């Protein structure tokens, strides 16, 4: 039986925005340790990437992002963040611009993402991340079609 690998120690994040910033920076930098440090120390943390299965637990999330990072960092930028918060939890839903394709011919695409944060004794942590392709009708001011698979 293999023991569950605990997430790397992370800084004391003062807000959900701090966690969100590190999460998207880690995606850009393909920094797996930095990405894993944002997750809550809970066996039921979950992540769904566009076109992918539900990943539950640190091991599955790590393995999923190792596969994603095999091609390097993901040029992402969050936009139009909506926040719902209470003293011990927060939910952010946002649109994320993703550059896809080979470096010399990148195309913009959009993802609708929901991030759920939990306030713990170690500061704020990510409990769940769910992302799926955004529909062009959701982005009238942008008007760019979303591909069916992003990462």
N, C-alpha and C. Protein backbone atom coordinates (compact mmCIF):
# COMPACT_ATOMS: atom_id res chain seq x y z
N UNK A 1 0.85 -1.18 0.00
CA UNK A 1 0.00 0.00 0.00
C UNK A 1 0.90 1.25 0.00
N UNK A 2 0.62 2.16 -0.90
CA UNK A 2 1.41 3.38 -1.02
C UNK A 2 0.79 4.49 -0.19
N UNK A 3 1.61 5.13 0.60
CA UNK A 3 1.11 6.23 1.43
C UNK A 3 0.85 7.45 0.55
N UNK A 4 -0.15 8.23 0.91
CA UNK A 4 -0.47 9.45 0.19
C UNK A 4 0.64 10.45 0.42
N UNK A 5 1.12 11.03 -0.67
CA UNK A 5 2.19 12.04 -0.57
C UNK A 5 1.55 13.37 -0.21
N UNK A 6 1.96 13.96 0.91
CA UNK A 6 1.36 15.23 1.30
C UNK A 6 1.79 16.34 0.35
N UNK A 7 0.97 17.37 0.23
CA UNK A 7 1.35 18.48 -0.64
C UNK A 7 2.57 19.19 -0.07
N UNK A 8 3.37 19.81 -0.96
CA UNK A 8 4.53 20.55 -0.45
C UNK A 8 4.08 21.67 0.47
N UNK A 9 4.95 22.04 1.39
CA UNK A 9 4.63 23.15 2.29
C UNK A 9 4.51 24.44 1.48
N UNK A 10 3.56 25.24 1.81
CA UNK A 10 3.32 26.48 1.09
C UNK A 10 3.39 27.64 2.05
N UNK A 11 3.52 28.79 1.48
CA UNK A 11 3.49 30.01 2.27
C UNK A 11 2.11 30.17 2.89
N UNK A 12 2.01 31.02 3.86
CA UNK A 12 0.73 31.33 4.47
C UNK A 12 0.02 32.32 3.56
N UNK A 13 -0.94 31.85 2.80
CA UNK A 13 -1.64 32.70 1.85
C UNK A 13 -2.73 33.47 2.57
N UNK A 14 -2.69 34.78 2.44
CA UNK A 14 -3.59 35.67 3.18
C UNK A 14 -4.98 35.77 2.57
N UNK A 15 -5.13 35.40 1.30
CA UNK A 15 -6.43 35.57 0.66
C UNK A 15 -6.60 34.56 -0.48
N UNK A 16 -7.83 34.33 -0.91
CA UNK A 16 -8.06 33.49 -2.09
C UNK A 16 -7.37 34.07 -3.33
N UNK A 17 -7.29 35.40 -3.42
CA UNK A 17 -6.61 36.01 -4.57
C UNK A 17 -5.14 35.63 -4.60
N UNK A 18 -4.49 35.53 -3.42
CA UNK A 18 -3.09 35.11 -3.36
C UNK A 18 -2.92 33.69 -3.90
N UNK A 19 -3.80 32.80 -3.50
CA UNK A 19 -3.75 31.41 -3.96
C UNK A 19 -3.98 31.37 -5.46
N UNK A 20 -4.98 32.10 -5.93
CA UNK A 20 -5.31 32.10 -7.35
C UNK A 20 -4.12 32.59 -8.18
N UNK A 21 -3.47 33.64 -7.71
CA UNK A 21 -2.30 34.17 -8.42
C UNK A 21 -1.21 33.11 -8.52
N UNK A 22 -0.93 32.40 -7.41
CA UNK A 22 0.12 31.37 -7.45
C UNK A 22 -0.29 30.23 -8.36
N UNK A 23 -1.55 29.83 -8.34
CA UNK A 23 -2.02 28.74 -9.19
C UNK A 23 -1.77 29.05 -10.66
N UNK A 24 -2.18 30.24 -11.11
CA UNK A 24 -2.02 30.59 -12.52
C UNK A 24 -0.56 30.87 -12.87
N UNK A 25 0.24 31.40 -11.94
CA UNK A 25 1.68 31.55 -12.17
C UNK A 25 2.33 30.18 -12.35
N UNK A 26 1.94 29.22 -11.51
CA UNK A 26 2.49 27.87 -11.62
C UNK A 26 2.14 27.25 -12.98
N UNK A 27 0.94 27.49 -13.47
CA UNK A 27 0.57 26.99 -14.80
C UNK A 27 1.46 27.61 -15.87
N UNK A 28 1.69 28.91 -15.78
CA UNK A 28 2.52 29.60 -16.76
C UNK A 28 3.95 29.09 -16.74
N UNK A 29 4.46 28.79 -15.55
CA UNK A 29 5.87 28.39 -15.37
C UNK A 29 6.07 26.87 -15.42
N UNK A 30 5.00 26.11 -15.55
CA UNK A 30 5.07 24.64 -15.49
C UNK A 30 5.79 24.20 -14.21
N UNK A 31 5.47 24.84 -13.10
CA UNK A 31 6.10 24.58 -11.82
C UNK A 31 5.18 23.70 -10.98
N UNK A 32 5.43 22.41 -11.03
CA UNK A 32 4.55 21.44 -10.37
C UNK A 32 4.54 21.60 -8.86
N UNK A 33 5.70 21.84 -8.25
CA UNK A 33 5.73 22.00 -6.79
C UNK A 33 4.96 23.25 -6.37
N UNK A 34 5.13 24.33 -7.09
CA UNK A 34 4.41 25.57 -6.79
C UNK A 34 2.90 25.35 -6.94
N UNK A 35 2.52 24.61 -7.96
CA UNK A 35 1.10 24.33 -8.19
C UNK A 35 0.52 23.46 -7.09
N UNK A 36 1.25 22.43 -6.69
CA UNK A 36 0.74 21.53 -5.66
C UNK A 36 0.68 22.20 -4.29
N UNK A 37 1.47 23.23 -4.07
CA UNK A 37 1.50 23.91 -2.77
C UNK A 37 0.23 24.71 -2.49
N UNK A 38 -0.59 24.96 -3.49
CA UNK A 38 -1.80 25.75 -3.26
C UNK A 38 -2.98 24.91 -2.77
N UNK A 39 -2.89 23.59 -2.90
CA UNK A 39 -4.02 22.73 -2.60
C UNK A 39 -4.21 22.53 -1.10
N UNK A 40 -5.45 22.39 -0.69
CA UNK A 40 -5.79 22.09 0.71
C UNK A 40 -5.27 20.70 1.05
N UNK A 41 -4.96 20.49 2.32
CA UNK A 41 -4.51 19.20 2.80
C UNK A 41 -5.74 18.36 3.12
N UNK A 42 -6.41 17.93 2.06
CA UNK A 42 -7.66 17.19 2.17
C UNK A 42 -7.64 16.11 1.10
N UNK A 43 -7.98 14.90 1.46
CA UNK A 43 -7.94 13.81 0.49
C UNK A 43 -8.92 13.97 -0.65
N UNK A 44 -9.93 14.81 -0.48
CA UNK A 44 -10.96 14.96 -1.50
C UNK A 44 -10.79 16.20 -2.36
N UNK A 45 -9.59 16.82 -2.39
CA UNK A 45 -9.38 17.92 -3.32
C UNK A 45 -9.65 17.38 -4.73
N UNK A 46 -10.17 18.25 -5.60
CA UNK A 46 -10.57 17.78 -6.93
C UNK A 46 -10.23 18.80 -8.00
N UNK A 47 -9.95 18.28 -9.18
CA UNK A 47 -9.58 19.13 -10.31
C UNK A 47 -10.17 18.52 -11.59
N UNK A 48 -10.79 19.36 -12.40
CA UNK A 48 -11.26 18.94 -13.72
C UNK A 48 -10.68 19.92 -14.73
N UNK A 49 -9.88 19.39 -15.66
CA UNK A 49 -9.32 20.21 -16.72
C UNK A 49 -10.17 20.05 -17.97
N UNK A 50 -10.16 21.03 -18.87
CA UNK A 50 -11.00 20.95 -20.07
C UNK A 50 -10.81 19.64 -20.83
N UNK A 51 -11.91 18.94 -21.05
CA UNK A 51 -11.87 17.69 -21.80
C UNK A 51 -11.28 16.53 -21.03
N UNK A 52 -10.98 16.72 -19.75
CA UNK A 52 -10.33 15.67 -18.97
C UNK A 52 -11.25 15.08 -17.93
N UNK A 53 -10.78 14.00 -17.28
CA UNK A 53 -11.57 13.37 -16.22
C UNK A 53 -11.46 14.15 -14.91
N UNK A 54 -12.30 13.81 -13.97
CA UNK A 54 -12.20 14.38 -12.63
C UNK A 54 -11.03 13.73 -11.92
N UNK A 55 -10.12 14.55 -11.41
CA UNK A 55 -8.97 14.08 -10.66
C UNK A 55 -9.24 14.35 -9.19
N UNK A 56 -9.20 13.30 -8.36
CA UNK A 56 -9.48 13.44 -6.94
C UNK A 56 -8.26 13.02 -6.15
N UNK A 57 -7.82 13.89 -5.25
CA UNK A 57 -6.67 13.61 -4.40
C UNK A 57 -5.38 14.18 -4.98
N UNK A 58 -4.42 14.39 -4.09
CA UNK A 58 -3.15 15.01 -4.48
C UNK A 58 -2.39 14.20 -5.52
N UNK A 59 -2.36 12.89 -5.36
CA UNK A 59 -1.61 12.05 -6.29
C UNK A 59 -2.18 12.17 -7.71
N UNK A 60 -3.49 12.08 -7.85
CA UNK A 60 -4.12 12.16 -9.16
C UNK A 60 -3.94 13.54 -9.78
N UNK A 61 -4.05 14.59 -8.97
CA UNK A 61 -3.88 15.95 -9.48
C UNK A 61 -2.43 16.15 -9.93
N UNK A 62 -1.48 15.70 -9.13
CA UNK A 62 -0.06 15.81 -9.50
C UNK A 62 0.20 15.08 -10.82
N UNK A 63 -0.28 13.87 -10.94
CA UNK A 63 -0.06 13.09 -12.16
C UNK A 63 -0.70 13.78 -13.37
N UNK A 64 -1.89 14.34 -13.18
CA UNK A 64 -2.55 15.04 -14.27
C UNK A 64 -1.75 16.25 -14.75
N UNK A 65 -1.22 17.02 -13.81
CA UNK A 65 -0.45 18.20 -14.20
C UNK A 65 0.94 17.83 -14.69
N UNK A 66 1.51 16.72 -14.23
CA UNK A 66 2.79 16.27 -14.81
C UNK A 66 2.60 16.03 -16.31
N UNK A 67 1.49 15.42 -16.67
CA UNK A 67 1.19 15.17 -18.07
C UNK A 67 1.00 16.49 -18.84
N UNK A 68 0.25 17.41 -18.25
CA UNK A 68 0.02 18.71 -18.89
C UNK A 68 1.34 19.46 -19.07
N UNK A 69 2.20 19.45 -18.06
CA UNK A 69 3.45 20.20 -18.09
C UNK A 69 4.51 19.54 -18.96
N UNK A 70 4.27 18.34 -19.46
CA UNK A 70 5.23 17.68 -20.34
C UNK A 70 5.52 18.54 -21.57
N UNK A 71 4.57 19.38 -21.94
CA UNK A 71 4.73 20.27 -23.09
C UNK A 71 5.15 21.67 -22.68
N UNK A 72 5.50 21.87 -21.42
CA UNK A 72 5.92 23.19 -20.94
C UNK A 72 4.76 23.93 -20.27
N UNK A 73 5.02 25.20 -19.96
CA UNK A 73 4.03 26.03 -19.29
C UNK A 73 2.84 26.33 -20.17
N UNK A 74 1.79 26.79 -19.53
CA UNK A 74 0.55 27.13 -20.23
C UNK A 74 0.35 28.64 -20.13
N UNK A 75 0.42 29.34 -21.24
CA UNK A 75 0.20 30.79 -21.19
C UNK A 75 -1.27 31.07 -20.86
N UNK A 76 -1.53 31.46 -19.62
CA UNK A 76 -2.89 31.73 -19.16
C UNK A 76 -2.96 33.10 -18.51
N UNK A 77 -4.16 33.67 -18.56
CA UNK A 77 -4.41 34.94 -17.87
C UNK A 77 -5.88 34.98 -17.50
N UNK A 78 -6.14 35.13 -16.19
CA UNK A 78 -7.52 35.22 -15.70
C UNK A 78 -8.14 36.56 -16.05
N UNK A 79 -9.46 36.54 -16.24
CA UNK A 79 -10.18 37.75 -16.61
C UNK A 79 -11.61 37.65 -16.08
N UNK A 80 -12.21 38.76 -15.85
CA UNK A 80 -13.62 38.84 -15.45
C UNK A 80 -13.94 37.92 -14.26
N UNK A 81 -13.18 38.08 -13.19
CA UNK A 81 -13.36 37.27 -11.99
C UNK A 81 -14.60 37.74 -11.24
N UNK A 82 -15.43 36.79 -10.85
CA UNK A 82 -16.57 37.04 -9.96
C UNK A 82 -16.29 36.30 -8.67
N UNK A 83 -16.55 36.95 -7.56
CA UNK A 83 -16.20 36.36 -6.25
C UNK A 83 -17.42 36.25 -5.35
N UNK A 84 -17.52 35.12 -4.68
CA UNK A 84 -18.50 34.90 -3.62
C UNK A 84 -17.67 34.47 -2.42
N UNK A 85 -17.82 35.16 -1.30
CA UNK A 85 -16.97 34.77 -0.17
C UNK A 85 -17.71 34.86 1.16
N UNK A 86 -17.25 34.04 2.06
CA UNK A 86 -17.68 33.98 3.44
C UNK A 86 -16.40 33.94 4.27
N UNK A 87 -16.49 34.04 5.58
CA UNK A 87 -15.27 34.04 6.38
C UNK A 87 -14.36 32.82 6.19
N UNK A 88 -14.93 31.64 5.90
CA UNK A 88 -14.09 30.45 5.82
C UNK A 88 -14.03 29.80 4.43
N UNK A 89 -14.75 30.33 3.45
CA UNK A 89 -14.65 29.78 2.10
C UNK A 89 -14.91 30.87 1.08
N UNK A 90 -14.45 30.60 -0.13
CA UNK A 90 -14.69 31.54 -1.23
C UNK A 90 -14.79 30.75 -2.53
N UNK A 91 -15.58 31.27 -3.44
CA UNK A 91 -15.72 30.69 -4.77
C UNK A 91 -15.43 31.80 -5.78
N UNK A 92 -14.52 31.53 -6.69
CA UNK A 92 -14.23 32.45 -7.79
C UNK A 92 -14.63 31.77 -9.09
N UNK A 93 -15.40 32.46 -9.91
CA UNK A 93 -15.61 31.95 -11.26
C UNK A 93 -15.12 33.03 -12.21
N UNK A 94 -14.38 32.59 -13.21
CA UNK A 94 -13.70 33.53 -14.08
C UNK A 94 -13.54 32.96 -15.47
N UNK A 95 -13.18 33.84 -16.38
CA UNK A 95 -12.80 33.44 -17.72
C UNK A 95 -11.29 33.49 -17.77
N UNK A 96 -10.69 32.49 -18.41
CA UNK A 96 -9.25 32.39 -18.49
C UNK A 96 -8.85 32.33 -19.96
N UNK A 97 -8.00 33.27 -20.35
CA UNK A 97 -7.46 33.26 -21.72
C UNK A 97 -6.27 32.31 -21.74
N UNK A 98 -6.30 31.38 -22.68
CA UNK A 98 -5.25 30.38 -22.83
C UNK A 98 -4.71 30.48 -24.25
N UNK A 99 -3.39 30.50 -24.37
CA UNK A 99 -2.77 30.46 -25.69
C UNK A 99 -2.47 29.00 -25.99
N UNK A 100 -2.99 28.48 -27.11
CA UNK A 100 -2.80 27.07 -27.44
C UNK A 100 -2.06 26.93 -28.77
N UNK A 101 -1.48 25.77 -28.97
CA UNK A 101 -0.78 25.48 -30.20
C UNK A 101 0.72 25.66 -30.06
N UNK A 102 1.44 25.40 -31.14
CA UNK A 102 2.90 25.55 -31.09
C UNK A 102 3.30 27.00 -30.82
N UNK A 103 4.44 27.19 -30.18
CA UNK A 103 4.89 28.52 -29.77
C UNK A 103 4.89 29.52 -30.91
N UNK A 104 5.24 29.08 -32.11
CA UNK A 104 5.32 30.00 -33.24
C UNK A 104 3.96 30.34 -33.85
N UNK A 105 2.92 29.63 -33.44
CA UNK A 105 1.59 29.88 -34.02
C UNK A 105 0.50 29.74 -32.97
N UNK A 106 0.67 30.38 -31.84
CA UNK A 106 -0.31 30.27 -30.76
C UNK A 106 -1.61 30.96 -31.13
N UNK A 107 -2.70 30.34 -30.70
CA UNK A 107 -4.04 30.87 -30.90
C UNK A 107 -4.70 31.09 -29.55
N UNK A 108 -5.46 32.18 -29.39
CA UNK A 108 -6.16 32.38 -28.12
C UNK A 108 -7.41 31.50 -28.02
N UNK A 109 -7.66 31.03 -26.82
CA UNK A 109 -8.88 30.28 -26.51
C UNK A 109 -9.32 30.74 -25.13
N UNK A 110 -10.56 30.43 -24.78
CA UNK A 110 -11.09 30.85 -23.48
C UNK A 110 -11.65 29.66 -22.73
N UNK A 111 -11.40 29.67 -21.43
CA UNK A 111 -11.88 28.63 -20.53
C UNK A 111 -12.72 29.30 -19.45
N UNK A 112 -13.83 28.66 -19.10
CA UNK A 112 -14.62 29.09 -17.94
C UNK A 112 -14.14 28.25 -16.77
N UNK A 113 -13.69 28.91 -15.70
CA UNK A 113 -13.12 28.19 -14.57
C UNK A 113 -13.84 28.57 -13.28
N UNK A 114 -13.93 27.60 -12.39
CA UNK A 114 -14.45 27.82 -11.04
C UNK A 114 -13.42 27.29 -10.06
N UNK A 115 -13.03 28.13 -9.10
CA UNK A 115 -12.07 27.76 -8.07
C UNK A 115 -12.74 27.90 -6.71
N UNK A 116 -12.64 26.87 -5.89
CA UNK A 116 -13.23 26.87 -4.56
C UNK A 116 -12.09 26.88 -3.54
N UNK A 117 -12.13 27.85 -2.63
CA UNK A 117 -11.08 28.04 -1.64
C UNK A 117 -11.62 27.83 -0.23
N UNK A 118 -10.74 27.34 0.63
CA UNK A 118 -11.08 27.06 2.02
C UNK A 118 -10.06 27.73 2.91
N UNK A 119 -10.52 28.40 3.95
CA UNK A 119 -9.60 29.00 4.92
C UNK A 119 -9.24 27.94 5.95
N UNK A 120 -7.95 27.70 6.10
CA UNK A 120 -7.45 26.66 7.02
C UNK A 120 -6.52 27.30 8.05
N UNK A 121 -6.03 26.50 8.96
CA UNK A 121 -5.04 26.98 9.93
C UNK A 121 -3.74 27.40 9.24
N UNK A 122 -3.52 26.92 8.02
CA UNK A 122 -2.32 27.26 7.26
C UNK A 122 -2.61 28.37 6.23
N UNK A 123 -3.72 29.06 6.38
CA UNK A 123 -4.10 30.10 5.42
C UNK A 123 -5.08 29.55 4.39
N UNK A 124 -5.35 30.33 3.38
CA UNK A 124 -6.28 29.92 2.33
C UNK A 124 -5.66 28.85 1.45
N UNK A 125 -6.48 27.89 1.02
CA UNK A 125 -6.03 26.82 0.15
C UNK A 125 -7.11 26.52 -0.89
N UNK A 126 -6.66 25.96 -2.01
CA UNK A 126 -7.56 25.57 -3.09
C UNK A 126 -8.15 24.20 -2.78
N UNK A 127 -9.46 24.10 -2.83
CA UNK A 127 -10.15 22.83 -2.57
C UNK A 127 -10.59 22.17 -3.87
N UNK A 128 -10.98 22.97 -4.86
CA UNK A 128 -11.42 22.42 -6.14
C UNK A 128 -11.19 23.42 -7.26
N UNK A 129 -10.79 22.90 -8.42
CA UNK A 129 -10.63 23.69 -9.65
C UNK A 129 -11.37 22.95 -10.74
N UNK A 130 -12.26 23.64 -11.43
CA UNK A 130 -13.01 23.03 -12.53
C UNK A 130 -12.96 23.98 -13.70
N UNK A 131 -12.47 23.50 -14.84
CA UNK A 131 -12.36 24.35 -16.03
C UNK A 131 -12.92 23.61 -17.23
N UNK A 132 -13.62 24.36 -18.08
CA UNK A 132 -14.15 23.79 -19.31
C UNK A 132 -14.12 24.85 -20.39
N UNK A 133 -14.13 24.43 -21.66
CA UNK A 133 -14.10 25.43 -22.73
C UNK A 133 -15.28 26.39 -22.60
N UNK A 134 -15.00 27.66 -22.78
CA UNK A 134 -16.05 28.67 -22.75
C UNK A 134 -16.69 28.74 -24.13
N UNK A 135 -17.98 28.95 -24.15
CA UNK A 135 -18.70 29.08 -25.41
C UNK A 135 -18.52 30.50 -25.95
N UNK A 136 -18.46 30.65 -27.25
CA UNK A 136 -18.31 31.98 -27.86
C UNK A 136 -19.45 32.89 -27.43
N UNK A 137 -20.63 32.33 -27.19
CA UNK A 137 -21.77 33.16 -26.78
C UNK A 137 -21.58 33.74 -25.39
N UNK A 138 -20.67 33.14 -24.59
CA UNK A 138 -20.37 33.67 -23.27
C UNK A 138 -19.43 34.86 -23.36
N UNK A 139 -18.84 35.05 -24.51
CA UNK A 139 -17.80 36.06 -24.69
C UNK A 139 -18.15 37.03 -25.82
N UNK A 140 -19.29 37.70 -25.76
CA UNK A 140 -19.69 38.53 -26.89
C UNK A 140 -18.70 39.64 -27.20
N UNK A 141 -18.03 40.17 -26.18
CA UNK A 141 -17.06 41.23 -26.43
C UNK A 141 -15.75 40.68 -26.99
N UNK A 142 -15.55 39.38 -26.84
CA UNK A 142 -14.34 38.75 -27.34
C UNK A 142 -14.62 38.07 -28.66
N UNK A 143 -15.73 37.30 -28.71
CA UNK A 143 -16.19 36.69 -29.95
C UNK A 143 -15.26 35.65 -30.54
N UNK A 144 -14.35 35.07 -29.77
CA UNK A 144 -13.46 34.04 -30.31
C UNK A 144 -14.02 32.65 -29.97
N UNK A 145 -14.09 31.77 -30.95
CA UNK A 145 -14.58 30.43 -30.65
C UNK A 145 -13.59 29.68 -29.76
N UNK A 146 -14.13 28.81 -28.93
CA UNK A 146 -13.29 28.01 -28.05
C UNK A 146 -13.07 26.64 -28.68
N UNK A 147 -11.85 26.12 -28.67
CA UNK A 147 -11.63 24.77 -29.18
C UNK A 147 -12.21 23.74 -28.23
N UNK A 148 -12.35 22.51 -28.70
CA UNK A 148 -12.97 21.49 -27.86
C UNK A 148 -12.01 20.95 -26.80
N UNK A 149 -10.69 20.97 -27.02
CA UNK A 149 -9.72 20.50 -26.03
C UNK A 149 -8.62 21.54 -25.91
N UNK A 150 -8.32 21.94 -24.67
CA UNK A 150 -7.32 22.98 -24.47
C UNK A 150 -6.03 22.47 -23.86
N UNK A 151 -6.10 21.64 -22.81
CA UNK A 151 -4.91 21.08 -22.20
C UNK A 151 -5.23 19.83 -21.45
